[in-house]
């Protein structure tokens, strides 16, 4: 949780830009992106279209982590 920018602000280390949105180093954690989306919704009254990038990014990360989990499971149990 400390690396998700929840408790204290972390310096933004930009990795790349995707569709006009900056993707930072701590954005590889789904909690960082979810925290940013919740901040937009609760503090700035953002709509679904305003947080669509964050939702898509969380979905992409979930798929990536799922397939990494499958690969690690197969490696451990030799399936």
PDB file of N, CA and C in Angstrom:
ATOM      1  N   UNK A   1       0.810  -1.197   0.000  1.00  0.00           N
ATOM      2  CA  UNK A   1       0.000   0.000   0.000  1.00  0.00           C
ATOM      3  C   UNK A   1       0.853   1.261   0.000  1.00  0.00           C
ATOM      4  N   UNK A   2       2.066   1.194   0.545  1.00  0.00           N
ATOM      5  CA  UNK A   2       2.892   2.391   0.574  1.00  0.00           C
ATOM      6  C   UNK A   2       3.307   2.824  -0.822  1.00  0.00           C
ATOM      7  N   UNK A   3       3.488   1.881  -1.725  1.00  0.00           N
ATOM      8  CA  UNK A   3       3.910   2.213  -3.076  1.00  0.00           C
ATOM      9  C   UNK A   3       2.744   2.574  -3.984  1.00  0.00           C
ATOM     10  N   UNK A   4       1.531   2.548  -3.470  1.00  0.00           N
ATOM     11  CA  UNK A   4       0.369   2.852  -4.298  1.00  0.00           C
ATOM     12  C   UNK A   4      -0.030   4.314  -4.218  1.00  0.00           C
ATOM     13  N   UNK A   5       0.746   5.132  -3.549  1.00  0.00           N
ATOM     14  CA  UNK A   5       0.479   6.564  -3.474  1.00  0.00           C
ATOM     15  C   UNK A   5      -0.741   6.859  -2.604  1.00  0.00           C
ATOM     16  N   UNK A   6      -1.084   5.938  -1.689  1.00  0.00           N
ATOM     17  CA  UNK A   6      -2.235   6.132  -0.813  1.00  0.00           C
ATOM     18  C   UNK A   6      -1.879   6.980   0.406  1.00  0.00           C
ATOM     19  N   UNK A   7      -0.827   6.601   1.080  1.00  0.00           N
ATOM     20  CA  UNK A   7      -0.507   7.240   2.351  1.00  0.00           C
ATOM     21  C   UNK A   7       0.335   8.501   2.195  1.00  0.00           C
ATOM     22  N   UNK A   8       1.275   8.454   1.314  1.00  0.00           N
ATOM     23  CA  UNK A   8       2.120   9.609   1.089  1.00  0.00           C
ATOM     24  C   UNK A   8       2.417   9.717  -0.403  1.00  0.00           C
ATOM     25  N   UNK A   9       2.493  10.933  -0.895  1.00  0.00           N
ATOM     26  CA  UNK A   9       2.744  11.086  -2.335  1.00  0.00           C
ATOM     27  C   UNK A   9       4.156  10.641  -2.706  1.00  0.00           C
ATOM     28  N   UNK A  10       4.250   9.896  -3.766  1.00  0.00           N
ATOM     29  CA  UNK A  10       5.534   9.418  -4.261  1.00  0.00           C
ATOM     30  C   UNK A  10       5.937  10.235  -5.480  1.00  0.00           C
ATOM     31  N   UNK A  11       7.217  10.358  -5.720  1.00  0.00           N
ATOM     32  CA  UNK A  11       7.626  11.070  -6.940  1.00  0.00           C
ATOM     33  C   UNK A  11       7.212  10.276  -8.173  1.00  0.00           C
ATOM     34  N   UNK A  12       6.761  10.980  -9.163  1.00  0.00           N
ATOM     35  CA  UNK A  12       6.296  10.344 -10.391  1.00  0.00           C
ATOM     36  C   UNK A  12       7.483  10.091 -11.314  1.00  0.00           C
ATOM     37  N   UNK A  13       7.733   8.828 -11.605  1.00  0.00           N
ATOM     38  CA  UNK A  13       8.774   8.435 -12.549  1.00  0.00           C
ATOM     39  C   UNK A  13       8.048   7.940 -13.793  1.00  0.00           C
ATOM     40  N   UNK A  14       7.961   8.801 -14.788  1.00  0.00           N
ATOM     41  CA  UNK A  14       7.215   8.470 -16.000  1.00  0.00           C
ATOM     42  C   UNK A  14       7.961   7.430 -16.824  1.00  0.00           C
ATOM     43  N   UNK A  15       7.236   6.390 -17.225  1.00  0.00           N
ATOM     44  CA  UNK A  15       7.809   5.365 -18.083  1.00  0.00           C
ATOM     45  C   UNK A  15       7.487   5.634 -19.546  1.00  0.00           C
ATOM     46  N   UNK A  16       6.210   5.875 -19.829  1.00  0.00           N
ATOM     47  CA  UNK A  16       5.781   6.156 -21.196  1.00  0.00           C
ATOM     48  C   UNK A  16       4.413   6.808 -21.163  1.00  0.00           C
ATOM     49  N   UNK A  17       3.993   7.290 -22.301  1.00  0.00           N
ATOM     50  CA  UNK A  17       2.680   7.903 -22.444  1.00  0.00           C
ATOM     51  C   UNK A  17       1.811   6.990 -23.299  1.00  0.00           C
ATOM     52  N   UNK A  18       0.582   6.779 -22.870  1.00  0.00           N
ATOM     53  CA  UNK A  18      -0.335   5.900 -23.572  1.00  0.00           C
ATOM     54  C   UNK A  18      -1.666   6.621 -23.733  1.00  0.00           C
ATOM     55  N   UNK A  19      -2.038   6.941 -24.971  1.00  0.00           N
ATOM     56  CA  UNK A  19      -3.279   7.642 -25.276  1.00  0.00           C
ATOM     57  C   UNK A  19      -3.404   8.958 -24.509  1.00  0.00           C
ATOM     58  N   UNK A  20      -2.298   9.660 -24.374  1.00  0.00           N
ATOM     59  CA  UNK A  20      -2.307  10.954 -23.697  1.00  0.00           C
ATOM     60  C   UNK A  20      -2.241  10.876 -22.188  1.00  0.00           C
ATOM     61  N   UNK A  21      -2.102   9.694 -21.614  1.00  0.00           N
ATOM     62  CA  UNK A  21      -1.985   9.518 -20.167  1.00  0.00           C
ATOM     63  C   UNK A  21      -0.588   9.009 -19.843  1.00  0.00           C
ATOM     64  N   UNK A  22       0.023   9.586 -18.836  1.00  0.00           N
ATOM     65  CA  UNK A  22       1.344   9.156 -18.414  1.00  0.00           C
ATOM     66  C   UNK A  22       1.232   7.893 -17.562  1.00  0.00           C
ATOM     67  N   UNK A  23       2.061   6.916 -17.851  1.00  0.00           N
ATOM     68  CA  UNK A  23       2.135   5.693 -17.063  1.00  0.00           C
ATOM     69  C   UNK A  23       3.422   5.772 -16.259  1.00  0.00           C
ATOM     70  N   UNK A  24       3.287   5.777 -14.947  1.00  0.00           N
ATOM     71  CA  UNK A  24       4.426   5.929 -14.048  1.00  0.00           C
ATOM     72  C   UNK A  24       4.907   4.565 -13.562  1.00  0.00           C
ATOM     73  N   UNK A  25       6.033   4.573 -12.889  1.00  0.00           N
ATOM     74  CA  UNK A  25       6.635   3.328 -12.414  1.00  0.00           C
ATOM     75  C   UNK A  25       5.739   2.608 -11.412  1.00  0.00           C
ATOM     76  N   UNK A  26       5.120   3.345 -10.508  1.00  0.00           N
ATOM     77  CA  UNK A  26       4.278   2.674  -9.513  1.00  0.00           C
ATOM     78  C   UNK A  26       2.913   2.277 -10.067  1.00  0.00           C
ATOM     79  N   UNK A  27       2.630   2.577 -11.333  1.00  0.00           N
ATOM     80  CA  UNK A  27       1.365   2.163 -11.951  1.00  0.00           C
ATOM     81  C   UNK A  27       1.349   0.691 -12.329  1.00  0.00           C
ATOM     82  N   UNK A  28       2.457  -0.015 -12.151  1.00  0.00           N
ATOM     83  CA  UNK A  28       2.428  -1.457 -12.395  1.00  0.00           C
ATOM     84  C   UNK A  28       1.730  -2.185 -11.252  1.00  0.00           C
ATOM     85  N   UNK A  29       1.452  -1.468 -10.168  1.00  0.00           N
ATOM     86  CA  UNK A  29       0.659  -2.009  -9.070  1.00  0.00           C
ATOM     87  C   UNK A  29      -0.804  -1.612  -9.281  1.00  0.00           C
ATOM     88  N   UNK A  30      -1.712  -2.554  -9.286  1.00  0.00           N
ATOM     89  CA  UNK A  30      -3.117  -2.208  -9.516  1.00  0.00           C
ATOM     90  C   UNK A  30      -3.688  -1.276  -8.456  1.00  0.00           C
ATOM     91  N   UNK A  31      -3.155  -1.322  -7.233  1.00  0.00           N
ATOM     92  CA  UNK A  31      -3.679  -0.453  -6.184  1.00  0.00           C
ATOM     93  C   UNK A  31      -3.386   1.017  -6.457  1.00  0.00           C
ATOM     94  N   UNK A  32      -2.272   1.320  -7.108  1.00  0.00           N
ATOM     95  CA  UNK A  32      -1.954   2.710  -7.422  1.00  0.00           C
ATOM     96  C   UNK A  32      -2.953   3.282  -8.411  1.00  0.00           C
ATOM     97  N   UNK A  33      -3.297   2.516  -9.413  1.00  0.00           N
ATOM     98  CA  UNK A  33      -4.253   2.977 -10.417  1.00  0.00           C
ATOM     99  C   UNK A  33      -5.659   3.044  -9.830  1.00  0.00           C
ATOM    100  N   UNK A  34      -6.012   2.080  -9.003  1.00  0.00           N
ATOM    101  CA  UNK A  34      -7.326   2.096  -8.365  1.00  0.00           C
ATOM    102  C   UNK A  34      -7.457   3.278  -7.409  1.00  0.00           C
ATOM    103  N   UNK A  35      -6.387   3.608  -6.708  1.00  0.00           N
ATOM    104  CA  UNK A  35      -6.402   4.755  -5.809  1.00  0.00           C
ATOM    105  C   UNK A  35      -6.596   6.050  -6.591  1.00  0.00           C
ATOM    106  N   UNK A  36      -5.925   6.166  -7.727  1.00  0.00           N
ATOM    107  CA  UNK A  36      -6.079   7.363  -8.546  1.00  0.00           C
ATOM    108  C   UNK A  36      -7.505   7.470  -9.083  1.00  0.00           C
ATOM    109  N   UNK A  37      -8.095   6.349  -9.490  1.00  0.00           N
ATOM    110  CA  UNK A  37      -9.470   6.364  -9.990  1.00  0.00           C
ATOM    111  C   UNK A  37     -10.453   6.733  -8.876  1.00  0.00           C
ATOM    112  N   UNK A  38     -10.270   6.162  -7.698  1.00  0.00           N
ATOM    113  CA  UNK A  38     -11.154   6.492  -6.578  1.00  0.00           C
ATOM    114  C   UNK A  38     -11.000   7.952  -6.162  1.00  0.00           C
ATOM    115  N   UNK A  39      -9.787   8.475  -6.233  1.00  0.00           N
ATOM    116  CA  UNK A  39      -9.560   9.880  -5.915  1.00  0.00           C
ATOM    117  C   UNK A  39     -10.305  10.776  -6.896  1.00  0.00           C
ATOM    118  N   UNK A  40     -10.266  10.431  -8.172  1.00  0.00           N
ATOM    119  CA  UNK A  40     -10.990  11.216  -9.170  1.00  0.00           C
ATOM    120  C   UNK A  40     -12.497  11.165  -8.931  1.00  0.00           C
ATOM    121  N   UNK A  41     -12.993   9.987  -8.589  1.00  0.00           N
ATOM    122  CA  UNK A  41     -14.441   9.820  -8.403  1.00  0.00           C
ATOM    123  C   UNK A  41     -14.921  10.519  -7.137  1.00  0.00           C
ATOM    124  N   UNK A  42     -14.238  10.289  -6.026  1.00  0.00           N
ATOM    125  CA  UNK A  42     -14.710  10.807  -4.744  1.00  0.00           C
ATOM    126  C   UNK A  42     -14.415  12.286  -4.536  1.00  0.00           C
ATOM    127  N   UNK A  43     -13.279  12.765  -5.010  1.00  0.00           N
ATOM    128  CA  UNK A  43     -12.905  14.147  -4.749  1.00  0.00           C
ATOM    129  C   UNK A  43     -13.262  15.110  -5.865  1.00  0.00           C
ATOM    130  N   UNK A  44     -13.287  14.625  -7.100  1.00  0.00           N
ATOM    131  CA  UNK A  44     -13.509  15.517  -8.231  1.00  0.00           C
ATOM    132  C   UNK A  44     -14.791  15.202  -9.002  1.00  0.00           C
ATOM    133  N   UNK A  45     -15.644  14.341  -8.457  1.00  0.00           N
ATOM    134  CA  UNK A  45     -16.921  13.970  -9.089  1.00  0.00           C
ATOM    135  C   UNK A  45     -16.750  13.527 -10.537  1.00  0.00           C
ATOM    136  N   UNK A  46     -15.748  12.703 -10.783  1.00  0.00           N
ATOM    137  CA  UNK A  46     -15.486  12.218 -12.138  1.00  0.00           C
ATOM    138  C   UNK A  46     -16.531  11.184 -12.541  1.00  0.00           C
ATOM    139  N   UNK A  47     -16.802  11.157 -13.806  1.00  0.00           N
ATOM    140  CA  UNK A  47     -17.741  10.185 -14.364  1.00  0.00           C
ATOM    141  C   UNK A  47     -16.985   8.950 -14.834  1.00  0.00           C
ATOM    142  N   UNK A  48     -17.719   7.969 -15.318  1.00  0.00           N
ATOM    143  CA  UNK A  48     -17.112   6.739 -15.805  1.00  0.00           C
ATOM    144  C   UNK A  48     -16.173   7.020 -16.977  1.00  0.00           C
ATOM    145  N   UNK A  49     -16.551   7.942 -17.821  1.00  0.00           N
ATOM    146  CA  UNK A  49     -15.685   8.276 -18.961  1.00  0.00           C
ATOM    147  C   UNK A  49     -14.387   8.936 -18.525  1.00  0.00           C
ATOM    148  N   UNK A  50     -14.396   9.589 -17.362  1.00  0.00           N
ATOM    149  CA  UNK A  50     -13.189  10.241 -16.852  1.00  0.00           C
ATOM    150  C   UNK A  50     -12.191   9.246 -16.278  1.00  0.00           C
ATOM    151  N   UNK A  51     -12.658   8.103 -15.846  1.00  0.00           N
ATOM    152  CA  UNK A  51     -11.766   7.092 -15.268  1.00  0.00           C
ATOM    153  C   UNK A  51     -11.657   5.863 -16.163  1.00  0.00           C
ATOM    154  N   UNK A  52     -12.052   6.007 -17.407  1.00  0.00           N
ATOM    155  CA  UNK A  52     -12.016   4.850 -18.306  1.00  0.00           C
ATOM    156  C   UNK A  52     -10.594   4.352 -18.544  1.00  0.00           C
ATOM    157  N   UNK A  53      -9.608   5.262 -18.626  1.00  0.00           N
ATOM    158  CA  UNK A  53      -8.232   4.821 -18.810  1.00  0.00           C
ATOM    159  C   UNK A  53      -7.764   3.990 -17.622  1.00  0.00           C
ATOM    160  N   UNK A  54      -8.090   4.425 -16.420  1.00  0.00           N
ATOM    161  CA  UNK A  54      -7.686   3.685 -15.226  1.00  0.00           C
ATOM    162  C   UNK A  54      -8.340   2.308 -15.192  1.00  0.00           C
ATOM    163  N   UNK A  55      -9.604   2.221 -15.559  1.00  0.00           N
ATOM    164  CA  UNK A  55     -10.296   0.930 -15.556  1.00  0.00           C
ATOM    165  C   UNK A  55      -9.707  -0.017 -16.599  1.00  0.00           C
ATOM    166  N   UNK A  56      -9.417   0.503 -17.763  1.00  0.00           N
ATOM    167  CA  UNK A  56      -8.803  -0.329 -18.803  1.00  0.00           C
ATOM    168  C   UNK A  56      -7.419  -0.765 -18.376  1.00  0.00           C
ATOM    169  N   UNK A  57      -6.656   0.136 -17.764  1.00  0.00           N
ATOM    170  CA  UNK A  57      -5.299  -0.200 -17.308  1.00  0.00           C
ATOM    171  C   UNK A  57      -5.346  -1.287 -16.223  1.00  0.00           C
ATOM    172  N   UNK A  58      -6.288  -1.209 -15.310  1.00  0.00           N
ATOM    173  CA  UNK A  58      -6.438  -2.241 -14.273  1.00  0.00           C
ATOM    174  C   UNK A  58      -6.788  -3.581 -14.909  1.00  0.00           C
ATOM    175  N   UNK A  59      -7.650  -3.579 -15.915  1.00  0.00           N
ATOM    176  CA  UNK A  59      -8.014  -4.814 -16.611  1.00  0.00           C
ATOM    177  C   UNK A  59      -6.791  -5.409 -17.315  1.00  0.00           C
ATOM    178  N   UNK A  60      -6.012  -4.579 -17.998  1.00  0.00           N
ATOM    179  CA  UNK A  60      -4.808  -5.064 -18.681  1.00  0.00           C
ATOM    180  C   UNK A  60      -3.821  -5.656 -17.681  1.00  0.00           C
ATOM    181  N   UNK A  61      -3.626  -4.971 -16.561  1.00  0.00           N
ATOM    182  CA  UNK A  61      -2.722  -5.500 -15.531  1.00  0.00           C
ATOM    183  C   UNK A  61      -3.228  -6.821 -14.977  1.00  0.00           C
ATOM    184  N   UNK A  62      -4.541  -6.937 -14.790  1.00  0.00           N
ATOM    185  CA  UNK A  62      -5.118  -8.186 -14.276  1.00  0.00           C
ATOM    186  C   UNK A  62      -4.864  -9.343 -15.228  1.00  0.00           C
ATOM    187  N   UNK A  63      -5.020  -9.102 -16.519  1.00  0.00           N
ATOM    188  CA  UNK A  63      -4.777 -10.154 -17.514  1.00  0.00           C
ATOM    189  C   UNK A  63      -3.295 -10.538 -17.519  1.00  0.00           C
ATOM    190  N   UNK A  64      -2.418  -9.550 -17.466  1.00  0.00           N
ATOM    191  CA  UNK A  64      -0.976  -9.835 -17.452  1.00  0.00           C
ATOM    192  C   UNK A  64      -0.598 -10.639 -16.222  1.00  0.00           C
ATOM    193  N   UNK A  65      -1.071 -10.209 -15.043  1.00  0.00           N
ATOM    194  CA  UNK A  65      -0.742 -10.937 -13.811  1.00  0.00           C
ATOM    195  C   UNK A  65      -1.350 -12.335 -13.801  1.00  0.00           C
ATOM    196  N   UNK A  66      -2.531 -12.499 -14.403  1.00  0.00           N
ATOM    197  CA  UNK A  66      -3.154 -13.814 -14.491  1.00  0.00           C
ATOM    198  C   UNK A  66      -2.293 -14.781 -15.304  1.00  0.00           C
ATOM    199  N   UNK A  67      -1.815 -14.329 -16.468  1.00  0.00           N
ATOM    200  CA  UNK A  67      -1.000 -15.200 -17.305  1.00  0.00           C
ATOM    201  C   UNK A  67       0.379 -15.460 -16.693  1.00  0.00           C
ATOM    202  N   UNK A  68       0.917 -14.491 -15.971  1.00  0.00           N
ATOM    203  CA  UNK A  68       2.165 -14.740 -15.239  1.00  0.00           C
ATOM    204  C   UNK A  68       1.933 -15.801 -14.173  1.00  0.00           C
ATOM    205  N   UNK A  69       0.785 -15.738 -13.502  1.00  0.00           N
ATOM    206  CA  UNK A  69       0.441 -16.751 -12.501  1.00  0.00           C
ATOM    207  C   UNK A  69       0.290 -18.130 -13.109  1.00  0.00           C
ATOM    208  N   UNK A  70      -0.329 -18.208 -14.290  1.00  0.00           N
ATOM    209  CA  UNK A  70      -0.456 -19.501 -14.977  1.00  0.00           C
ATOM    210  C   UNK A  70       0.914 -20.061 -15.320  1.00  0.00           C
ATOM    211  N   UNK A  71       1.801 -19.208 -15.855  1.00  0.00           N
ATOM    212  CA  UNK A  71       3.145 -19.668 -16.211  1.00  0.00           C
ATOM    213  C   UNK A  71       3.921 -20.150 -14.992  1.00  0.00           C
ATOM    214  N   UNK A  72       3.823 -19.420 -13.893  1.00  0.00           N
ATOM    215  CA  UNK A  72       4.534 -19.834 -12.680  1.00  0.00           C
ATOM    216  C   UNK A  72       3.946 -21.111 -12.101  1.00  0.00           C
ATOM    217  N   UNK A  73       2.614 -21.268 -12.169  1.00  0.00           N
ATOM    218  CA  UNK A  73       1.986 -22.490 -11.685  1.00  0.00           C
ATOM    219  C   UNK A  73       2.427 -23.690 -12.516  1.00  0.00           C
ATOM    220  N   UNK A  74       2.439 -23.520 -13.836  1.00  0.00           N
ATOM    221  CA  UNK A  74       2.868 -24.620 -14.707  1.00  0.00           C
ATOM    222  C   UNK A  74       4.338 -24.964 -14.490  1.00  0.00           C
ATOM    223  N   UNK A  75       5.153 -23.963 -14.249  1.00  0.00           N
ATOM    224  CA  UNK A  75       6.562 -24.225 -14.003  1.00  0.00           C
ATOM    225  C   UNK A  75       6.765 -24.986 -12.696  1.00  0.00           C
ATOM    226  N   UNK A  76       5.985 -24.619 -11.672  1.00  0.00           N
ATOM    227  CA  UNK A  76       6.149 -25.275 -10.384  1.00  0.00           C
ATOM    228  C   UNK A  76       5.634 -26.711 -10.417  1.00  0.00           C
ATOM    229  N   UNK A  77       4.484 -26.935 -11.048  1.00  0.00           N
ATOM    230  CA  UNK A  77       3.870 -28.266 -11.041  1.00  0.00           C
ATOM    231  C   UNK A  77       4.050 -29.013 -12.346  1.00  0.00           C
ATOM    232  N   UNK A  78       4.810 -28.467 -13.298  1.00  0.00           N
ATOM    233  CA  UNK A  78       5.184 -29.102 -14.560  1.00  0.00           C
ATOM    234  C   UNK A  78       3.997 -29.566 -15.392  1.00  0.00           C
ATOM    235  N   UNK A  79       3.034 -28.661 -15.557  1.00  0.00           N
ATOM    236  CA  UNK A  79       1.873 -28.962 -16.412  1.00  0.00           C
ATOM    237  C   UNK A  79       2.125 -28.469 -17.786  1.00  0.00           C
TER     238      UNK A  79
END
